C-alpha cells in the first residue's frame, strides 16, 4: 500500500476487530508449527507433535530424542493426549551418562566455556564403551592429578577491571599450574585474534603492571594482556599459559575448520607463535560447542571430525606443546562426537561440569548448578558431574586426562519461599552483570551459604535462593577427583574469586 492511500476510520476499526476475533477463535494447532529437531525454541512457543499441542517451558535448541512427550522439563501439554514417552534403555556398563549444559554469552558479550544449559531428555541412548587408546602420539601427555587451571577472560579488563596483575596480588599465581586465555575467534577456517586491544594493545601503567614497569609506545612493542602474561610467567617459571579458541559465541567457525583440519592447525600455530608474542603461550585449548551437535548453531561435520581436528593440531604443534579442550558434560553432546578417539591427541579435557540448572528456568525448581552427585528432587535425571565423568571413562578417555570443572560464581532465583532445593520461584535473582548469575566474591558476603546438597552448596536469604561452590564443597570435589584418579581441576573464571584467592586456595590446598 502506498503512503497516500487511507481507509475511513470505521473501516479500520472493523478490520482490526475482525482480525482480533480471528486470532481468538483460531485453533491452537493452526498457530503452532510441527516440532522439529535442531530448532531454537523460546519460552511459550507452541508446537504440535503427532497431533497434540505443547508449550515451551524452557528456552532451548532441540535435538533428536527431545520430542515433547519425552521431555516434560521442556514442554508442557496444552491440548490433546500426549503419546507414551519412549521407555528409557537399560543402564550402560558404567551405569552413567549425562546430559550437558548449553552455555550463554557472558555479560561482556563474549563467550563462556560453558553456560546456560538447556534441559535434557529423560531418555538416553545406550552407551557402548570404546577401548582405551593404546598409543599416545603426544608422548608423555597425561594427568598427574594436581593440575589447577583457571580461565582468564579477556573482556574482564573492561567493566570487571580484572587484570593479569590481580592474579599476582591475590596470591593465585603461586597456586595455579595453568591459565587458559579466553578467547580467540575461529573464522574462515582459521584461528584469529578476538580482541586486539585487550590482547596486545592496551597500555599498562607502572601501577597496573605485574612487574611495576609501564608499557611503552615504541614501534612493535607488545602491550595488553599478552605482555602482562609474559611478565607473570617470568615471575613464575613453572606456570603454563594456553590460548583458548571458540566458546559459545565463537564456535560457529569450527565446522569450516574441520573441513580442512591441517590448514586450521597451521593457522593456529602461526598465530600462537606470532613474533610479537612468541613464547607467551605453551599450547592451544579448543572450546568447540559442540562437534556434530547443536550449540549457538548446529554442526553436522560428523562424529570423527573432532578426531581429525585434534589429530591435526597435535601433528602441527608437536609432542612438546599442550593441546587441550573444553568438553561438554552431557550425553547428547558427548555421544555426538568421538571424544574417546580424540583423547590420544590431547593432554587433557576440561569437562564443563557446571550450569546444569539455573534461572533460565525462571519459575524453578531451584537446584544446584554444579552438582557432584544426584539428589532425590533433581529436576532432570542424570544431570550431574559424576554421571559425565563415568561416561567419558566408558568411552575410553583415561581418567588422568579428565579435569573436573568448578564455577567461581553462583546461579540464583528470586521470589523463593522454600529454603531447601526444589522450591518455586518468580524469576532470576539480580546479578551485577547478568540476572541470575553472581560472582562468588559477592555472594559470600551478600548471601552466605546455609546448606549443602549433592556435593555443592546453596544459600537462602530474603526471597533469593542461590547455589555455588565454597571452600568446603571444593574440598569434597577434590576428594572425588582423587578417588577417581582424575588429572586435576579447572575453574571458570579468575575474576569471580575474592581478592585474596579464597577458592583457588581451596583448590590448591586440597589437591
Protein backbone atom coordinates (compact mmCIF):
# COMPACT_ATOMS: atom_id res chain seq x y z
CA UNK A 1 0.00 0.00 0.00
CA UNK A 2 1.29 3.46 -0.91
CA UNK A 3 1.51 6.06 1.83
CA UNK A 4 -1.09 8.27 0.06
CA UNK A 5 -3.86 5.64 0.48
CA UNK A 6 -6.21 5.89 3.50
CA UNK A 7 -9.10 3.88 4.96
CA UNK A 8 -12.11 5.54 6.61
CA UNK A 9 -11.88 5.28 10.40
CA UNK A 10 -14.90 2.97 10.70
CA UNK A 11 -13.39 0.50 8.23
CA UNK A 12 -10.11 0.47 10.18
CA UNK A 13 -11.92 -0.33 13.43
CA UNK A 14 -13.97 -3.07 11.80
CA UNK A 15 -10.92 -4.62 10.19
CA UNK A 16 -8.96 -4.67 13.46
CA UNK A 17 -11.89 -6.15 15.35
CA UNK A 18 -12.33 -8.92 12.81
CA UNK A 19 -8.63 -9.71 12.93
CA UNK A 20 -8.66 -9.89 16.73
CA UNK A 21 -11.67 -12.20 16.75
CA UNK A 22 -10.00 -14.44 14.19
CA UNK A 23 -6.99 -14.77 16.44
CA UNK A 24 -9.13 -15.59 19.46
CA UNK A 25 -11.04 -18.36 17.70
CA UNK A 26 -8.20 -19.69 15.60
CA UNK A 27 -7.46 -23.27 16.72
CA UNK A 28 -4.26 -23.55 18.73
CA UNK A 29 -2.89 -26.17 16.37
CA UNK A 30 -3.20 -23.76 13.43
CA UNK A 31 -0.97 -21.28 15.23
CA UNK A 32 1.69 -23.88 16.08
CA UNK A 33 4.25 -25.39 13.76
CA UNK A 34 5.20 -29.04 13.92
CA UNK A 35 8.08 -29.73 16.35
CA UNK A 36 11.45 -30.19 14.62
CA UNK A 37 14.96 -31.06 15.83
CA UNK A 38 17.87 -28.59 15.65
CA UNK A 39 15.47 -25.68 16.14
CA UNK A 40 15.73 -22.83 18.68
CA UNK A 41 12.55 -22.56 20.78
CA UNK A 42 11.71 -19.64 23.07
CA UNK A 43 9.66 -19.81 26.26
CA UNK A 44 5.89 -20.03 25.47
CA UNK A 45 6.49 -21.15 21.87
CA UNK A 46 3.75 -23.52 20.68
CA UNK A 47 4.40 -26.67 18.63
CA UNK A 48 2.43 -29.70 17.60
CA UNK A 49 3.78 -33.22 17.76
CA UNK A 50 1.81 -36.21 16.47
CA UNK A 51 -1.42 -34.24 16.98
CA UNK A 52 -1.27 -32.68 20.49
CA UNK A 53 -0.06 -29.11 21.07
CA UNK A 54 2.76 -28.30 23.50
CA UNK A 55 4.08 -25.06 25.03
CA UNK A 56 7.81 -24.49 25.59
CA UNK A 57 8.71 -24.26 29.30
CA UNK A 58 12.46 -23.63 28.96
CA UNK A 59 14.23 -21.97 26.03
CA UNK A 60 16.44 -24.46 24.21
CA UNK A 61 17.72 -25.75 20.89
CA UNK A 62 16.04 -29.08 20.18
CA UNK A 63 17.86 -32.29 19.41
CA UNK A 64 16.74 -35.68 18.12
CA UNK A 65 15.36 -37.51 21.14
CA UNK A 66 13.97 -34.34 22.72
CA UNK A 67 10.46 -34.80 21.28
CA UNK A 68 7.88 -33.04 23.52
CA UNK A 69 6.38 -36.21 25.08
CA UNK A 70 9.88 -37.32 26.12
CA UNK A 71 10.98 -34.12 27.86
CA UNK A 72 8.33 -32.72 30.23
CA UNK A 73 11.05 -30.44 31.62
CA UNK A 74 10.97 -28.64 28.27
CA UNK A 75 7.39 -28.96 27.01
CA UNK A 76 4.01 -28.73 28.69
CA UNK A 77 0.98 -30.37 27.10
CA UNK A 78 -1.60 -27.76 26.02
CA UNK A 79 -4.23 -29.80 24.19
CA UNK A 80 -4.78 -33.37 23.12
CA UNK A 81 -3.42 -36.55 24.67
CA UNK A 82 0.33 -36.98 24.87
CA UNK A 83 1.66 -40.27 23.50
CA UNK A 84 3.56 -42.52 25.86
CA UNK A 85 7.22 -41.44 26.07
CA UNK A 86 9.83 -43.78 24.67
CA UNK A 87 10.96 -46.07 27.50
CA UNK A 88 14.47 -45.45 28.79
CA UNK A 89 17.02 -48.04 27.70
CA UNK A 90 18.87 -50.19 30.20
CA UNK A 91 21.85 -48.76 32.02
CA UNK A 92 25.24 -48.85 30.36
CA UNK A 93 28.15 -50.86 31.75
CA UNK A 94 29.32 -47.70 33.51
CA UNK A 95 25.81 -47.08 34.79
CA UNK A 96 26.05 -43.43 33.84
CA UNK A 97 25.64 -40.92 31.05
CA UNK A 98 24.92 -37.23 31.39
CA UNK A 99 23.05 -34.56 29.54
CA UNK A 100 25.09 -31.40 29.24
CA UNK A 101 24.53 -27.68 29.68
CA UNK A 102 24.30 -25.25 26.83
CA UNK A 103 26.31 -22.09 27.56
CA UNK A 104 25.23 -18.49 27.23
CA UNK A 105 27.25 -15.41 26.47
CA UNK A 106 28.87 -13.60 29.36
CA UNK A 107 27.88 -10.08 30.40
CA UNK A 108 30.75 -8.70 28.35
CA UNK A 109 29.26 -10.14 25.19
CA UNK A 110 31.96 -12.77 24.95
CA UNK A 111 31.64 -16.46 25.44
CA UNK A 112 31.86 -18.72 28.42
CA UNK A 113 33.32 -22.25 28.27
CA UNK A 114 30.04 -23.34 29.46
CA UNK A 115 26.89 -21.60 30.44
CA UNK A 116 23.16 -21.64 30.45
CA UNK A 117 22.16 -25.24 29.96
CA UNK A 118 19.05 -26.36 28.24
CA UNK A 119 17.13 -29.14 29.88
CA UNK A 120 17.89 -32.58 28.56
CA UNK A 121 15.80 -35.53 27.54
CA UNK A 122 14.84 -38.09 30.12
CA UNK A 123 15.67 -40.96 27.79
CA UNK A 124 19.24 -41.79 26.96
CA UNK A 125 20.71 -43.91 24.20
CA UNK A 126 22.70 -46.92 25.23
CA UNK A 127 26.37 -46.08 25.61
CA UNK A 128 28.88 -48.57 24.28
CA UNK A 129 32.32 -48.16 25.85
CA UNK A 130 35.22 -47.88 23.46
CA UNK A 131 38.66 -49.32 24.18
CA UNK A 132 41.20 -47.11 25.89
CA UNK A 133 43.65 -45.78 23.28
CA UNK A 134 46.85 -47.78 23.35
CA UNK A 135 49.04 -45.18 21.68
CA UNK A 136 49.66 -41.60 22.77
CA UNK A 137 51.16 -39.53 19.94
CA UNK A 138 51.82 -36.69 22.39
CA UNK A 139 54.38 -38.79 24.23
CA UNK A 140 54.22 -38.08 27.96
CA UNK A 141 50.92 -36.21 27.94
CA UNK A 142 48.53 -37.20 30.67
CA UNK A 143 47.41 -36.10 34.11
CA UNK A 144 49.44 -36.09 37.28
CA UNK A 145 46.39 -35.39 39.43
CA UNK A 146 47.38 -31.97 40.77
CA UNK A 147 46.61 -29.57 37.94
CA UNK A 148 44.90 -26.33 38.99
CA UNK A 149 43.81 -24.47 35.87
CA UNK A 150 41.92 -21.19 35.69
CA UNK A 151 40.39 -19.29 32.79
CA UNK A 152 41.32 -15.63 32.31
CA UNK A 153 38.55 -13.84 30.39
CA UNK A 154 39.95 -11.19 28.04
CA UNK A 155 36.89 -8.93 28.49
CA UNK A 156 37.46 -8.82 32.26
CA UNK A 157 39.83 -5.90 31.74
CA UNK A 158 36.83 -3.69 30.91
CA UNK A 159 33.84 -3.48 33.26
CA UNK A 160 35.19 -6.01 35.74
CA UNK A 161 38.57 -4.23 35.96
CA UNK A 162 40.30 -7.57 36.44
CA UNK A 163 43.81 -7.65 35.00
CA UNK A 164 46.70 -10.11 34.94
CA UNK A 165 48.22 -8.24 37.89
CA UNK A 166 45.26 -9.35 40.02
CA UNK A 167 46.42 -12.95 39.58
CA UNK A 168 49.68 -11.91 41.22
CA UNK A 169 48.36 -9.66 44.00
CA UNK A 170 45.72 -12.22 45.05
CA UNK A 171 48.42 -14.83 45.60
CA UNK A 172 46.80 -17.04 42.98
CA UNK A 173 49.76 -17.17 40.61
CA UNK A 174 51.66 -19.33 43.11
CA UNK A 175 48.80 -21.84 43.19
CA UNK A 176 47.93 -22.11 39.51
CA UNK A 177 49.62 -24.63 37.26
CA UNK A 178 47.91 -23.42 34.07
CA UNK A 179 45.96 -20.44 32.74
CA UNK A 180 43.63 -20.58 29.73
CA UNK A 181 43.35 -17.22 27.99
CA UNK A 182 39.80 -16.92 26.63
CA UNK A 183 39.12 -16.45 23.79
CA UNK A 184 40.45 -16.36 20.29
CA UNK A 185 37.94 -16.47 17.45
CA UNK A 186 37.55 -19.05 14.67
CA UNK A 187 36.54 -17.63 11.29
CA UNK A 188 37.05 -18.70 7.68
CA UNK A 189 38.53 -21.95 8.92
CA UNK A 190 41.32 -20.19 10.83
CA UNK A 191 42.33 -19.11 14.33
CA UNK A 192 42.19 -15.31 14.63
CA UNK A 193 42.56 -12.68 17.34
CA UNK A 194 39.31 -11.95 19.18
CA UNK A 195 40.03 -8.53 20.74
CA UNK A 196 43.28 -6.92 19.63
CA UNK A 197 43.02 -4.03 22.10
CA UNK A 198 42.66 -6.20 25.19
CA UNK A 199 45.02 -8.86 23.86
CA UNK A 200 48.09 -6.89 22.83
CA UNK A 201 47.48 -3.16 22.52
CA UNK A 202 46.12 -1.76 25.82
CA UNK A 203 48.68 0.40 27.65
CA UNK A 204 49.51 -0.68 31.22
CA UNK A 205 50.95 1.90 33.56
CA UNK A 206 53.58 1.04 36.14
CA UNK A 207 50.89 0.80 38.83
CA UNK A 208 48.83 -1.62 36.72
CA UNK A 209 51.71 -3.77 35.54
CA UNK A 210 52.70 -7.13 37.01
CA UNK A 211 56.34 -6.05 37.49
CA UNK A 212 55.79 -2.35 38.16
CA UNK A 213 57.20 -1.32 34.78
CA UNK A 214 54.99 0.66 32.41
CA UNK A 215 54.43 -0.30 28.80
CA UNK A 216 55.98 1.73 26.02
CA UNK A 217 54.58 3.11 22.79
CA UNK A 218 57.69 2.12 20.86
CA UNK A 219 57.01 0.68 17.43
CA UNK A 220 56.48 -3.06 17.67
CA UNK A 221 56.30 -3.09 21.48
CA UNK A 222 53.97 -5.67 22.97
CA UNK A 223 51.33 -4.38 25.37
CA UNK A 224 47.97 -5.61 26.61
CA UNK A 225 47.26 -8.83 28.50
CA UNK A 226 49.72 -10.80 26.37
CA UNK A 227 52.62 -8.72 27.67
CA UNK A 228 51.32 -8.96 31.23
CA UNK A 229 51.12 -12.74 30.92
CA UNK A 230 54.70 -12.76 29.69
CA UNK A 231 55.71 -10.84 32.81
CA UNK A 232 53.69 -13.14 35.06
CA UNK A 233 55.40 -16.20 33.59
CA UNK A 234 58.80 -14.59 34.16
CA UNK A 235 57.94 -14.40 37.86
CA UNK A 236 56.53 -17.94 37.92
CA UNK A 237 58.61 -20.10 35.56
CA UNK A 238 56.52 -23.20 36.16
CA UNK A 239 53.26 -21.55 35.12
CA UNK A 240 51.93 -22.55 31.70
CA UNK A 241 49.53 -20.48 29.58
CA UNK A 242 47.28 -21.76 26.79
CA UNK A 243 45.36 -19.75 24.19
CA UNK A 244 41.75 -20.94 24.15
CA UNK A 245 39.70 -20.64 20.94
CA UNK A 246 35.97 -20.74 20.38
CA UNK A 247 33.45 -20.76 23.19
CA UNK A 248 29.69 -20.46 22.93
CA UNK A 249 29.56 -17.41 20.67
CA UNK A 250 32.63 -18.17 18.57
CA UNK A 251 32.19 -21.91 17.93
CA UNK A 252 30.33 -21.45 14.65
CA UNK A 253 33.58 -21.42 12.68
CA UNK A 254 34.75 -24.86 13.76
CA UNK A 255 32.66 -26.66 11.15
CA UNK A 256 34.55 -24.93 8.37
CA UNK A 257 37.82 -25.51 10.21
CA UNK A 258 37.07 -29.23 10.41
CA UNK A 259 36.71 -29.36 6.61
CA UNK A 260 40.45 -28.65 6.31
CA UNK A 261 41.97 -29.50 9.70
CA UNK A 262 45.57 -29.21 8.55
CA UNK A 263 45.07 -25.64 7.32
CA UNK A 264 43.26 -24.78 10.54
CA UNK A 265 46.04 -26.24 12.69
CA UNK A 266 48.68 -24.29 10.77
CA UNK A 267 46.77 -21.02 11.20
CA UNK A 268 46.53 -21.62 14.95
CA UNK A 269 50.20 -22.50 15.22
CA UNK A 270 51.24 -19.41 13.28
CA UNK A 271 49.02 -17.13 15.39
CA UNK A 272 50.22 -18.51 18.71
CA UNK A 273 53.83 -18.22 17.57
CA UNK A 274 53.47 -14.73 16.10
CA UNK A 275 56.81 -12.98 16.57
CA UNK A 276 55.20 -10.22 18.63
CA UNK A 277 54.21 -12.59 21.45
CA UNK A 278 56.02 -15.83 20.71
CA UNK A 279 56.76 -17.62 23.97
CA UNK A 280 53.72 -16.31 25.85
CA UNK A 281 51.67 -19.42 25.10
CA UNK A 282 52.63 -23.01 25.79
CA UNK A 283 49.89 -24.53 23.68
CA UNK A 284 46.31 -24.35 22.50
CA UNK A 285 42.92 -25.09 24.06
CA UNK A 286 39.89 -25.85 21.85
CA UNK A 287 36.42 -24.93 23.10
CA UNK A 288 34.15 -26.22 20.34
CA UNK A 289 30.50 -26.10 21.40
CA UNK A 290 29.65 -28.63 20.06
CA UNK A 291 31.14 -31.03 17.48
CA UNK A 292 28.44 -32.74 15.42
CA UNK A 293 25.75 -31.28 17.72
CA UNK A 294 23.95 -28.02 18.42
CA UNK A 295 25.10 -25.08 20.50
CA UNK A 296 24.50 -21.50 19.40
CA UNK A 297 24.48 -23.04 15.93
CA UNK A 298 24.31 -26.64 14.77
CA UNK A 299 27.27 -28.57 13.39
CA UNK A 300 26.93 -31.62 11.14
CA UNK A 301 30.57 -32.36 10.46
CA UNK A 302 30.29 -35.97 11.62
CA UNK A 303 31.36 -37.92 14.69
CA UNK A 304 35.00 -38.24 13.60
CA UNK A 305 35.57 -34.62 12.55
CA UNK A 306 36.69 -33.88 16.11
CA UNK A 307 39.26 -36.65 15.95
CA UNK A 308 40.67 -35.26 12.69
CA UNK A 309 40.83 -31.74 14.10
CA UNK A 310 42.65 -32.72 17.28
CA UNK A 311 44.97 -35.04 15.36
CA UNK A 312 45.94 -32.20 13.02
CA UNK A 313 46.60 -29.87 15.97
CA UNK A 314 48.81 -32.44 17.67
CA UNK A 315 50.69 -33.08 14.44
CA UNK A 316 51.32 -29.36 13.84
CA UNK A 317 52.13 -28.36 17.41
CA UNK A 318 54.27 -31.41 18.14
CA UNK A 319 54.58 -33.62 21.19
CA UNK A 320 56.14 -30.90 23.36
CA UNK A 321 53.22 -28.46 23.23
CA UNK A 322 49.99 -28.58 25.21
CA UNK A 323 46.86 -29.44 23.22
CA UNK A 324 43.72 -29.48 25.38
CA UNK A 325 39.97 -28.98 25.02
CA UNK A 326 36.90 -27.92 26.96
CA UNK A 327 34.26 -30.62 26.51
CA UNK A 328 30.56 -30.97 27.40
CA UNK A 329 29.13 -32.71 30.45
CA UNK A 330 26.08 -34.38 28.95
CA UNK A 331 25.32 -37.50 26.96
CA UNK A 332 23.65 -35.84 23.95
CA UNK A 333 26.74 -33.86 23.06
CA UNK A 334 29.25 -36.43 24.34
CA UNK A 335 27.72 -39.18 22.22
CA UNK A 336 27.64 -36.93 19.15
CA UNK A 337 31.43 -36.82 18.76
CA UNK A 338 34.24 -39.33 19.18
CA UNK A 339 35.88 -37.89 22.28
CA UNK A 340 37.33 -41.29 23.12
CA UNK A 341 39.09 -41.50 19.77
CA UNK A 342 40.43 -37.95 20.07
CA UNK A 343 41.74 -38.46 23.62
CA UNK A 344 45.05 -39.86 22.35
CA UNK A 345 45.88 -36.48 20.82
CA UNK A 346 45.16 -34.25 23.82
CA UNK A 347 46.95 -33.67 27.09
CA UNK A 348 43.59 -33.43 28.88
CA UNK A 349 39.92 -32.50 28.64
CA UNK A 350 38.29 -29.80 30.78
CA UNK A 351 34.85 -31.28 31.50
CA UNK A 352 32.37 -28.39 31.89
CA UNK A 353 30.58 -29.73 34.96
CA UNK A 354 28.61 -26.61 35.90
CA UNK A 355 25.48 -24.72 34.84
CA UNK A 356 23.35 -27.84 34.95
CA UNK A 357 20.47 -25.82 36.44
CA UNK A 358 19.72 -22.12 36.81
CA UNK A 359 17.19 -19.33 36.47
CA UNK A 360 16.99 -19.79 32.73
CA UNK A 361 14.13 -21.92 34.14
CA UNK A 362 12.67 -18.77 35.70
CA UNK A 363 9.99 -20.45 37.84
CA UNK A 364 12.36 -23.11 39.14
CA UNK A 365 12.51 -25.54 40.69
CA UNK A 366 15.58 -24.27 42.50
CA UNK A 367 18.51 -26.65 42.04
CA UNK A 368 22.28 -26.78 42.35
CA UNK A 369 24.01 -25.58 39.19
CA UNK A 370 27.19 -27.61 39.78
CA UNK A 371 26.09 -30.85 41.48
CA UNK A 372 28.66 -33.55 42.07
CA UNK A 373 26.02 -36.24 42.55
CA UNK A 374 22.29 -36.69 42.05
CA UNK A 375 19.69 -35.99 44.76
CA UNK A 376 16.09 -37.13 45.19
CA UNK A 377 14.47 -33.99 43.73
CA UNK A 378 16.86 -33.43 40.81
CA UNK A 379 14.79 -31.70 38.07
CA UNK A 380 16.43 -33.62 35.23
CA UNK A 381 17.67 -37.14 35.98
CA UNK A 382 21.34 -37.92 35.40
CA UNK A 383 22.29 -34.26 35.12
CA UNK A 384 25.32 -34.13 37.40
CA UNK A 385 29.12 -34.31 37.43
CA UNK A 386 29.80 -37.94 38.30
CA UNK A 387 27.47 -39.10 35.53
CA UNK A 388 29.54 -37.20 32.95
CA UNK A 389 32.88 -38.41 34.27
CA UNK A 390 31.79 -42.06 34.14
CA UNK A 391 30.52 -41.65 30.59
CA UNK A 392 33.86 -40.29 29.39
CA UNK A 393 35.63 -43.19 31.08
CA UNK A 394 33.27 -45.66 29.39
CA UNK A 395 34.27 -44.16 26.05
CA UNK A 396 37.94 -44.87 26.65
CA UNK A 397 39.12 -41.49 27.92
CA UNK A 398 41.79 -42.13 30.59
CA UNK A 399 40.83 -40.71 33.99
CA UNK A 400 44.16 -38.89 34.11
CA UNK A 401 43.06 -36.87 31.08
CA UNK A 402 39.87 -35.59 32.71
CA UNK A 403 39.76 -32.38 34.74
CA UNK A 404 36.70 -31.66 36.88
CA UNK A 405 35.17 -28.19 36.43
CA UNK A 406 34.23 -25.70 39.15
CA UNK A 407 32.30 -22.45 38.74
CA UNK A 408 33.55 -19.42 40.65
CA UNK A 409 30.04 -17.95 40.59
CA UNK A 410 26.53 -18.86 41.62
CA UNK A 411 23.17 -19.09 39.90
CA UNK A 412 20.08 -17.86 41.68
CA UNK A 413 16.34 -17.22 41.73
CA UNK A 414 14.13 -14.62 43.39
CA UNK A 415 10.57 -14.93 44.72
CA UNK A 416 11.52 -18.13 46.56
CA UNK A 417 9.86 -19.17 49.83
CA UNK A 418 11.49 -22.59 50.34
CA UNK A 419 14.95 -22.68 51.88
CA UNK A 420 15.87 -26.14 50.60
CA UNK A 421 16.28 -27.14 46.93
CA UNK A 422 13.18 -27.74 44.84
CA UNK A 423 11.26 -24.55 45.55
CA UNK A 424 9.32 -22.49 43.03
CA UNK A 425 10.45 -19.01 42.01
CA UNK A 426 9.20 -15.89 40.25
CA UNK A 427 12.33 -15.21 38.21
CA UNK A 428 16.10 -14.82 38.26
CA UNK A 429 17.80 -13.15 41.21
CA UNK A 430 19.54 -9.83 40.48
CA UNK A 431 23.19 -10.02 39.46
CA UNK A 432 25.92 -7.43 38.96
CA UNK A 433 26.40 -8.19 35.26
CA UNK A 434 23.56 -10.55 34.38
CA UNK A 435 20.35 -11.62 36.07
CA UNK A 436 20.53 -14.99 37.76
CA UNK A 437 24.35 -15.03 37.95
CA UNK A 438 26.70 -13.56 40.55
CA UNK A 439 30.40 -13.91 41.41
CA UNK A 440 31.41 -15.89 44.49
CA UNK A 441 33.20 -12.84 45.86
CA UNK A 442 29.85 -11.03 46.04
CA UNK A 443 27.69 -13.93 47.22
CA UNK A 444 29.97 -14.93 50.09
CA UNK A 445 29.11 -11.64 51.78
CA UNK A 446 25.65 -10.89 50.41
CA UNK A 447 24.07 -14.36 50.66
CA UNK A 448 26.32 -16.78 52.60
CA UNK A 449 25.66 -20.47 52.13
CA UNK A 450 23.49 -22.18 54.74
CA UNK A 451 23.13 -25.65 53.33
CA UNK A 452 24.69 -28.31 51.11
CA UNK A 453 23.25 -30.91 48.77
CA UNK A 454 24.64 -33.13 46.01
CA UNK A 455 28.20 -32.15 46.86
CA UNK A 456 27.76 -28.40 46.47
CA UNK A 457 26.33 -25.50 48.50
CA UNK A 458 23.17 -23.43 48.45
CA UNK A 459 22.05 -20.24 50.18
CA UNK A 460 18.65 -18.81 51.10
CA UNK A 461 18.46 -15.13 52.00
CA UNK A 462 15.36 -12.99 51.91
CA UNK A 463 13.43 -14.31 48.94
CA UNK A 464 16.56 -15.27 46.98
CA UNK A 465 17.98 -18.77 46.55
CA UNK A 466 21.49 -19.34 45.20
CA UNK A 467 23.72 -22.32 44.53
CA UNK A 468 27.50 -22.14 44.34
CA UNK A 469 30.70 -23.83 45.46
CA UNK A 470 32.52 -22.89 48.66
CA UNK A 471 35.95 -23.88 50.02
CA UNK A 472 34.27 -26.75 51.85
CA UNK A 473 32.49 -28.17 48.79
CA UNK A 474 35.64 -27.67 46.70
CA UNK A 475 37.45 -29.86 49.23
CA UNK A 476 34.81 -32.50 48.58
CA UNK A 477 35.19 -32.22 44.83
CA UNK A 478 38.95 -32.56 45.18
CA UNK A 479 38.39 -35.73 47.22
CA UNK A 480 36.20 -37.04 44.42
CA UNK A 481 38.86 -36.08 41.89
CA UNK A 482 41.48 -38.09 43.77
CA UNK A 483 39.20 -41.08 44.28
CA UNK A 484 38.51 -41.19 40.53
CA UNK A 485 42.16 -40.71 39.53
CA UNK A 486 41.39 -37.53 37.59
CA UNK A 487 44.14 -35.27 36.30
CA UNK A 488 43.15 -32.18 38.26
CA UNK A 489 40.57 -29.41 38.43
CA UNK A 490 39.84 -26.24 36.49
CA UNK A 491 37.53 -23.30 37.04
CA UNK A 492 35.63 -20.55 35.25
CA UNK A 493 36.91 -17.89 35.87
CA UNK A 494 39.54 -15.92 37.79
CA UNK A 495 37.64 -12.66 38.36
CA UNK A 496 34.90 -14.45 40.34
CA UNK A 497 37.19 -15.23 43.28
CA UNK A 498 37.87 -12.96 46.27
CA UNK A 499 40.77 -10.51 46.19
CA UNK A 500 42.87 -12.93 48.25
CA UNK A 501 42.03 -16.01 46.16
CA UNK A 502 39.84 -17.93 48.61
CA UNK A 503 38.54 -20.52 46.16
CA UNK A 504 41.86 -21.01 44.35
CA UNK A 505 43.47 -21.61 47.73
CA UNK A 506 40.91 -24.32 48.44
CA UNK A 507 41.57 -25.99 45.08
CA UNK A 508 45.32 -25.82 45.70
CA UNK A 509 45.43 -26.83 49.36
CA UNK A 510 43.27 -29.95 48.96
CA UNK A 511 44.53 -31.01 45.55
